Amino acid sequence: MPAVLIHGVPDTHHVWDGVRRHLTRSDVAAWDLPGFGAPRPQGFGPTKEEYVAWLIERLEEVGEPVDLVGHDWGCMLTARVASLRPDLVRTWAGSNAPISAEYVWHPLAKLWQDPVEGDRWAKQYDAAAFAKDLTDNLQVPAELAKETAGRVDGTMRDSILKLYRSALTVGAEWEPELANLSAPSLVFWGALDPVCPIEFGEKLAASVLASRLLKLDSSHWTPLQKPAEVAAALEAHWNA
């Protein structure tokens, strides 16, 4: 069975490049969500529910249960898929994305959710300034931050705004059904994450009865900051 890796926001499949270099297995796919380095299908509205439906459809096409992994929004979306369609998932692993009614959105998320400020951000987006923020505030290595910020095109910015505006109460909506996630689960978390504090990693691990909660000495972007450690944890999880 293959492994499928899903990125977060604002990212593409490239967030997994470092992790994949440390994996020994070859049947690993990292998908781009529609609007994030990939076209949005005709009529696709980039809301949280439509991303879940898109993932379910893609996984059905695989034809067998997969080892499903997500970071940031990828964590939230894949956990939702695993809770709705456990038949599609052999194992699940997720990183740095709270699925909790108690979580309060971080300042940038609130900005994106604001119809005036969010639209202004999208129109005036400055890749260099955003890269600097990623490095200064979230400890993303400078070159990787520059690459990440440079991929945030107009389609991605529009997708970000619509996704976050669909998700004002996603924690309250999706948290109860985490109990239906029956696949063996790993939660790996940057313990120094200022936007998704470690307490929410602990809550998520408890909600899905995770076999392991790995606390990494990193900030939010665990696949970029600790690729070797993430790869080792995933392979141990898959082979358990």
Protein backbone atom coordinates (compact mmCIF):
# COMPACT_ATOMS: atom_id res chain seq x y z
CA MET A 1 0.00 0.00 0.00
CA PRO A 2 1.28 3.51 -0.77
CA ALA A 3 1.91 6.40 1.59
CA VAL A 4 0.24 9.71 0.77
CA LEU A 5 1.56 12.97 2.22
CA ILE A 6 -0.63 16.10 2.32
CA HIS A 7 0.76 19.59 2.86
CA GLY A 8 -0.69 22.55 4.72
CA VAL A 9 -1.09 26.30 4.17
CA PRO A 10 0.61 28.11 2.52
CA ASP A 11 2.46 25.16 1.03
CA THR A 12 2.69 22.66 -1.81
CA HIS A 13 3.96 19.09 -1.99
CA HIS A 14 7.49 20.51 -1.75
CA VAL A 15 7.11 20.81 2.04
CA TRP A 16 7.76 17.05 2.10
CA ASP A 17 10.88 17.07 -0.09
CA GLY A 18 13.30 16.84 2.83
CA VAL A 19 11.31 14.12 4.57
CA ARG A 20 11.09 12.05 1.39
CA ARG A 21 14.86 12.16 0.97
CA HIS A 22 15.17 10.38 4.31
CA LEU A 23 12.55 7.70 3.63
CA THR A 24 13.63 4.24 2.51
CA ARG A 25 10.35 3.25 0.86
CA SER A 26 9.66 4.24 -2.74
CA ASP A 27 5.85 4.08 -2.82
CA VAL A 28 5.37 7.58 -1.38
CA ALA A 29 3.28 10.26 -3.06
CA ALA A 30 2.98 13.90 -2.00
CA TRP A 31 -0.12 15.50 -3.49
CA ASP A 32 -0.83 19.16 -4.17
CA LEU A 33 -4.24 20.31 -2.97
CA PRO A 34 -6.26 22.13 -5.66
CA GLY A 35 -5.17 25.76 -5.76
CA PHE A 36 -1.87 25.04 -4.02
CA GLY A 37 0.58 24.50 -6.84
CA ALA A 38 -2.12 22.70 -8.80
CA PRO A 39 -5.14 23.93 -10.79
CA ARG A 40 -8.54 24.07 -9.16
CA PRO A 41 -11.03 21.87 -11.02
CA GLN A 42 -13.91 23.58 -12.77
CA GLY A 43 -16.52 24.49 -10.17
CA PHE A 44 -14.29 23.61 -7.22
CA GLY A 45 -14.84 25.88 -4.25
CA PRO A 46 -11.81 25.77 -1.96
CA THR A 47 -13.70 25.17 1.27
CA LYS A 48 -12.74 22.70 3.95
CA GLU A 49 -15.56 20.32 3.02
CA GLU A 50 -14.66 20.34 -0.67
CA TYR A 51 -11.03 19.58 0.11
CA VAL A 52 -12.16 16.62 2.23
CA ALA A 53 -14.39 15.39 -0.60
CA TRP A 54 -11.54 15.82 -3.10
CA LEU A 55 -9.18 13.79 -0.90
CA ILE A 56 -11.74 11.03 -0.44
CA GLU A 57 -12.25 10.80 -4.21
CA ARG A 58 -8.50 10.65 -4.88
CA LEU A 59 -7.98 8.00 -2.20
CA GLU A 60 -10.82 5.90 -3.59
CA GLU A 61 -8.96 5.89 -6.91
CA VAL A 62 -5.87 4.42 -5.22
CA GLY A 63 -7.85 1.26 -4.66
CA GLU A 64 -6.37 0.17 -1.33
CA PRO A 65 -5.93 1.65 2.15
CA VAL A 66 -2.97 4.04 2.39
CA ASP A 67 -0.59 5.31 5.03
CA LEU A 68 -1.98 8.86 5.25
CA VAL A 69 0.09 11.75 6.60
CA GLY A 70 -0.70 15.44 6.95
CA HIS A 71 0.93 18.60 8.23
CA ASP A 72 -0.92 21.79 9.22
CA TRP A 73 -4.13 21.89 7.16
CA GLY A 74 -3.06 18.57 5.70
CA CYS A 75 -3.28 17.17 9.23
CA MET A 76 -6.79 18.51 9.71
CA LEU A 77 -8.05 17.34 6.33
CA THR A 78 -6.53 13.86 6.56
CA ALA A 79 -7.82 13.38 10.11
CA ARG A 80 -11.27 14.30 8.86
CA VAL A 81 -10.97 11.83 5.99
CA ALA A 82 -9.80 9.09 8.34
CA SER A 83 -12.71 9.77 10.69
CA LEU A 84 -15.27 9.67 7.86
CA ARG A 85 -13.78 6.88 5.74
CA PRO A 86 -11.67 4.57 7.88
CA ASP A 87 -11.76 2.02 5.07
CA LEU A 88 -9.41 4.23 3.03
CA VAL A 89 -6.70 4.53 5.68
CA ARG A 90 -4.26 1.87 6.95
CA THR A 91 -2.39 4.24 9.27
CA TRP A 92 -2.66 7.96 9.97
CA ALA A 93 -0.11 10.53 11.11
CA GLY A 94 -0.55 14.26 11.64
CA SER A 95 1.39 17.32 12.68
CA ASN A 96 0.80 20.80 14.11
CA ALA A 97 -2.87 21.48 13.43
CA PRO A 98 -5.37 21.72 16.28
CA ILE A 99 -8.77 20.10 15.83
CA SER A 100 -10.33 21.45 18.97
CA ALA A 101 -13.25 23.65 19.92
CA GLU A 102 -10.91 25.30 22.45
CA TYR A 103 -8.42 26.48 19.84
CA VAL A 104 -8.41 30.19 18.99
CA TRP A 105 -7.18 30.99 15.50
CA HIS A 106 -3.75 32.61 15.30
CA PRO A 107 -3.44 36.27 14.17
CA LEU A 108 -2.64 35.55 10.51
CA ALA A 109 -5.59 33.17 10.24
CA LYS A 110 -7.86 35.85 11.69
CA LEU A 111 -6.50 38.31 9.14
CA TRP A 112 -7.28 35.89 6.30
CA GLN A 113 -10.77 35.38 7.68
CA ASP A 114 -11.45 39.12 7.71
CA PRO A 115 -13.02 40.10 4.36
CA VAL A 116 -11.31 43.49 4.28
CA GLU A 117 -7.89 42.77 5.77
CA GLY A 118 -7.62 39.38 4.12
CA ASP A 119 -8.37 40.76 0.67
CA ARG A 120 -5.83 43.52 1.25
CA TRP A 121 -3.20 40.94 2.22
CA ALA A 122 -3.87 38.96 -0.96
CA LYS A 123 -3.68 42.05 -3.17
CA GLN A 124 -0.53 43.45 -1.55
CA TYR A 125 1.27 40.17 -0.93
CA ASP A 126 5.02 40.61 -0.55
CA ALA A 127 6.93 37.34 -0.90
CA ALA A 128 10.15 38.70 0.59
CA ALA A 129 8.38 40.06 3.66
CA PHE A 130 6.45 36.83 4.12
CA ALA A 131 9.63 34.77 3.87
CA LYS A 132 11.24 36.97 6.52
CA ASP A 133 8.26 36.42 8.81
CA LEU A 134 8.54 32.64 8.35
CA THR A 135 12.19 32.74 9.34
CA ASP A 136 12.01 35.32 12.14
CA ASN A 137 8.79 34.11 13.77
CA LEU A 138 8.59 30.40 12.91
CA GLN A 139 12.26 29.47 12.47
CA VAL A 140 11.88 28.18 8.91
CA PRO A 141 15.38 28.04 7.36
CA ALA A 142 15.85 31.17 5.25
CA GLU A 143 16.30 29.48 1.87
CA LEU A 144 13.31 27.19 2.42
CA ALA A 145 11.24 30.16 3.60
CA LYS A 146 12.12 32.03 0.41
CA GLU A 147 11.11 29.05 -1.72
CA THR A 148 7.85 28.58 0.20
CA ALA A 149 6.88 32.26 -0.02
CA GLY A 150 7.73 32.35 -3.72
CA ARG A 151 5.16 29.66 -4.49
CA VAL A 152 2.28 31.69 -3.01
CA ASP A 153 0.66 32.83 -6.26
CA GLY A 154 -2.69 34.51 -6.82
CA THR A 155 -4.62 31.25 -7.01
CA MET A 156 -3.11 30.07 -3.74
CA ARG A 157 -3.91 33.34 -1.99
CA ASP A 158 -7.54 33.14 -3.12
CA SER A 159 -7.69 29.50 -2.01
CA ILE A 160 -6.26 30.39 1.39
CA LEU A 161 -8.86 33.08 1.99
CA LYS A 162 -11.77 30.87 0.99
CA LEU A 163 -10.50 27.90 2.99
CA TYR A 164 -10.01 29.88 6.18
CA ARG A 165 -13.34 31.65 5.81
CA SER A 166 -15.05 28.26 5.58
CA ALA A 167 -13.36 27.15 8.79
CA LEU A 168 -14.33 29.65 11.48
CA THR A 169 -15.64 26.85 13.72
CA VAL A 170 -13.86 23.82 12.24
CA GLY A 171 -12.64 22.63 15.64
CA ALA A 172 -16.12 22.43 17.10
CA GLU A 173 -17.44 20.84 13.89
CA TRP A 174 -14.80 18.15 13.42
CA GLU A 175 -13.54 17.36 16.91
CA PRO A 176 -16.42 15.06 17.99
CA GLU A 177 -15.90 12.66 15.08
CA LEU A 178 -12.19 12.20 15.76
CA ALA A 179 -13.35 9.31 17.93
CA ASN A 180 -14.22 7.48 14.70
CA LEU A 181 -10.60 7.56 13.53
CA SER A 182 -9.71 3.91 14.03
CA ALA A 183 -6.40 3.62 12.14
CA PRO A 184 -3.18 3.30 14.15
CA SER A 185 -2.14 6.90 14.68
CA LEU A 186 0.97 8.97 15.23
CA VAL A 187 0.96 12.63 16.23
CA PHE A 188 4.24 14.49 15.71
CA TRP A 189 4.44 18.10 16.83
CA GLY A 190 6.85 20.97 16.93
CA ALA A 191 6.86 21.62 20.65
CA LEU A 192 7.99 25.24 20.17
CA ASP A 193 5.14 26.12 17.80
CA PRO A 194 3.74 29.55 18.79
CA VAL A 195 0.63 29.32 16.60
CA CYS A 196 -0.40 25.73 17.38
CA PRO A 197 0.78 25.10 20.96
CA ILE A 198 1.86 21.65 22.06
CA GLU A 199 -1.16 21.28 24.34
CA PHE A 200 -3.27 20.87 21.21
CA GLY A 201 -0.96 18.13 20.02
CA GLU A 202 -1.58 16.38 23.31
CA LYS A 203 -5.33 16.84 22.91
CA LEU A 204 -5.27 15.51 19.35
CA ALA A 205 -3.21 12.48 20.36
CA ALA A 206 -5.72 11.71 23.11
CA SER A 207 -8.70 12.19 20.79
CA VAL A 208 -7.41 9.68 18.21
CA LEU A 209 -5.86 7.30 20.77
CA ALA A 210 -2.48 7.80 19.13
CA SER A 211 0.10 5.11 19.78
CA ARG A 212 2.73 7.84 20.00
CA LEU A 213 3.00 11.60 20.50
CA LEU A 214 6.41 12.73 19.26
CA LYS A 215 7.42 16.15 20.57
CA LEU A 216 10.06 17.66 18.30
CA ASP A 217 12.45 20.46 19.16
CA SER A 218 11.09 22.72 16.42
CA SER A 219 8.52 25.34 15.62
CA HIS A 220 5.51 24.92 13.34
CA TRP A 221 7.03 23.60 10.10
CA THR A 222 8.17 20.16 11.31
CA PRO A 223 8.74 18.69 7.79
CA LEU A 224 11.10 21.56 6.93
CA GLN A 225 12.80 21.87 10.30
CA LYS A 226 13.17 18.22 11.33
CA PRO A 227 12.94 16.13 8.14
CA ALA A 228 15.16 13.26 9.29
CA GLU A 229 13.36 12.91 12.61
CA VAL A 230 9.94 13.05 10.94
CA ALA A 231 10.97 10.41 8.38
CA ALA A 232 12.28 8.10 11.09
CA ALA A 233 9.10 8.46 13.11
CA LEU A 234 6.91 7.76 10.08
CA GLU A 235 8.83 4.64 9.09
CA ALA A 236 8.67 3.31 12.66
CA HIS A 237 4.93 4.01 12.68
CA TRP A 238 4.34 2.31 9.32
CA ASN A 239 6.36 -0.76 10.32
CA ALA A 240 4.87 -1.19 13.77
